[in-house]
C-alpha atoms as a PDB file:
ATOM      1  CA  MET A   1      -3.008 -29.647  29.914  1.00  0.00           C
ATOM      2  CA  ARG A   2      -2.857 -32.779  31.932  1.00  0.00           C
ATOM      3  CA  ASN A   3      -5.378 -33.525  34.668  1.00  0.00           C
ATOM      4  CA  VAL A   4      -7.460 -30.439  34.031  1.00  0.00           C
ATOM      5  CA  SER A   5     -11.200 -30.790  34.458  1.00  0.00           C
ATOM      6  CA  LYS A   6     -13.359 -30.001  31.452  1.00  0.00           C
ATOM      7  CA  GLN A   7     -14.849 -26.977  33.176  1.00  0.00           C
ATOM      8  CA  ASN A   8     -11.402 -25.396  33.543  1.00  0.00           C
ATOM      9  CA  LEU A   9     -10.246 -25.705  29.939  1.00  0.00           C
ATOM     10  CA  PRO A  10      -9.432 -22.477  28.087  1.00  0.00           C
ATOM     11  CA  SER A  11     -11.944 -21.262  25.559  1.00  0.00           C
ATOM     12  CA  LYS A  12     -12.199 -18.827  22.655  1.00  0.00           C
ATOM     13  CA  VAL A  13     -14.894 -17.371  20.416  1.00  0.00           C
ATOM     14  CA  CYS A  14     -15.056 -18.483  16.793  1.00  0.00           C
ATOM     15  CA  VAL A  15     -14.472 -15.581  14.380  1.00  0.00           C
ATOM     16  CA  THR A  16     -17.035 -16.960  11.919  1.00  0.00           C
ATOM     17  CA  CYS A  17     -20.029 -18.029  13.984  1.00  0.00           C
ATOM     18  CA  MET A  18     -19.188 -16.102  17.183  1.00  0.00           C
ATOM     19  CA  ARG A  19     -19.819 -19.178  19.350  1.00  0.00           C
ATOM     20  CA  PRO A  20     -17.523 -20.164  22.201  1.00  0.00           C
ATOM     21  CA  PHE A  21     -15.423 -23.283  21.829  1.00  0.00           C
ATOM     22  CA  SER A  22     -13.064 -25.072  24.203  1.00  0.00           C
ATOM     23  CA  TRP A  23      -9.502 -26.277  23.978  1.00  0.00           C
ATOM     24  CA  ARG A  24      -8.972 -29.646  22.297  1.00  0.00           C
ATOM     25  CA  LYS A  25      -6.040 -32.004  22.548  1.00  0.00           C
ATOM     26  CA  LYS A  26      -5.365 -31.765  18.792  1.00  0.00           C
ATOM     27  CA  TRP A  27      -4.870 -27.992  19.181  1.00  0.00           C
ATOM     28  CA  GLU A  28      -2.358 -28.365  22.000  1.00  0.00           C
ATOM     29  CA  ARG A  29       0.695 -27.097  20.096  1.00  0.00           C
ATOM     30  CA  ASP A  30      -1.096 -24.376  18.156  1.00  0.00           C
ATOM     31  CA  TRP A  31      -3.752 -23.004  20.517  1.00  0.00           C
ATOM     32  CA  GLU A  32      -2.656 -19.370  20.084  1.00  0.00           C
ATOM     33  CA  ASN A  33      -3.358 -19.546  16.342  1.00  0.00           C
ATOM     34  CA  VAL A  34      -6.718 -21.344  16.476  1.00  0.00           C
ATOM     35  CA  LYS A  35      -9.497 -19.026  15.292  1.00  0.00           C
ATOM     36  CA  TYR A  36     -12.312 -21.316  14.172  1.00  0.00           C
ATOM     37  CA  CYS A  37     -14.417 -23.833  16.084  1.00  0.00           C
ATOM     38  CA  SER A  38     -14.656 -26.255  13.164  1.00  0.00           C
ATOM     39  CA  GLU A  39     -13.462 -27.028   9.676  1.00  0.00           C
ATOM     40  CA  ARG A  40     -16.809 -25.843   8.330  1.00  0.00           C
ATOM     41  CA  CYS A  41     -16.352 -22.403   9.899  1.00  0.00           C
ATOM     42  CA  ARG A  42     -12.839 -22.190   8.540  1.00  0.00           C
ATOM     43  CA  ARG A  43     -14.019 -22.968   4.980  1.00  0.00           C
ATOM     44  CA  THR A  44     -17.017 -20.639   5.084  1.00  0.00           C
ATOM     45  CA  HIS A  45     -15.333 -17.738   6.819  1.00  0.00           C
ATOM     46  CA  THR A  46     -17.100 -14.464   6.149  1.00  0.00           C
ATOM     47  CA  GLU A  47     -17.773 -11.445   8.290  1.00  0.00           C
ATOM     48  CA  PRO A  48     -19.250 -12.256  11.722  1.00  0.00           C
ATOM     49  CA  LYS A  49     -22.993 -12.151  12.106  1.00  0.00           C
ATOM     50  CA  PRO A  50     -24.267  -9.097  14.010  1.00  0.00           C
END
């Protein structure tokens, strides 16, 4: 993901809060398995809000 503008980064939707989040450098090797936008969402994972 070198030399990619911030607008062109891949994004996903958090399974806990249903908010979109963008790719981060620390997730580079494991992007396919990332499900949560933050540590807080990962710890408090429940069913998504309607």
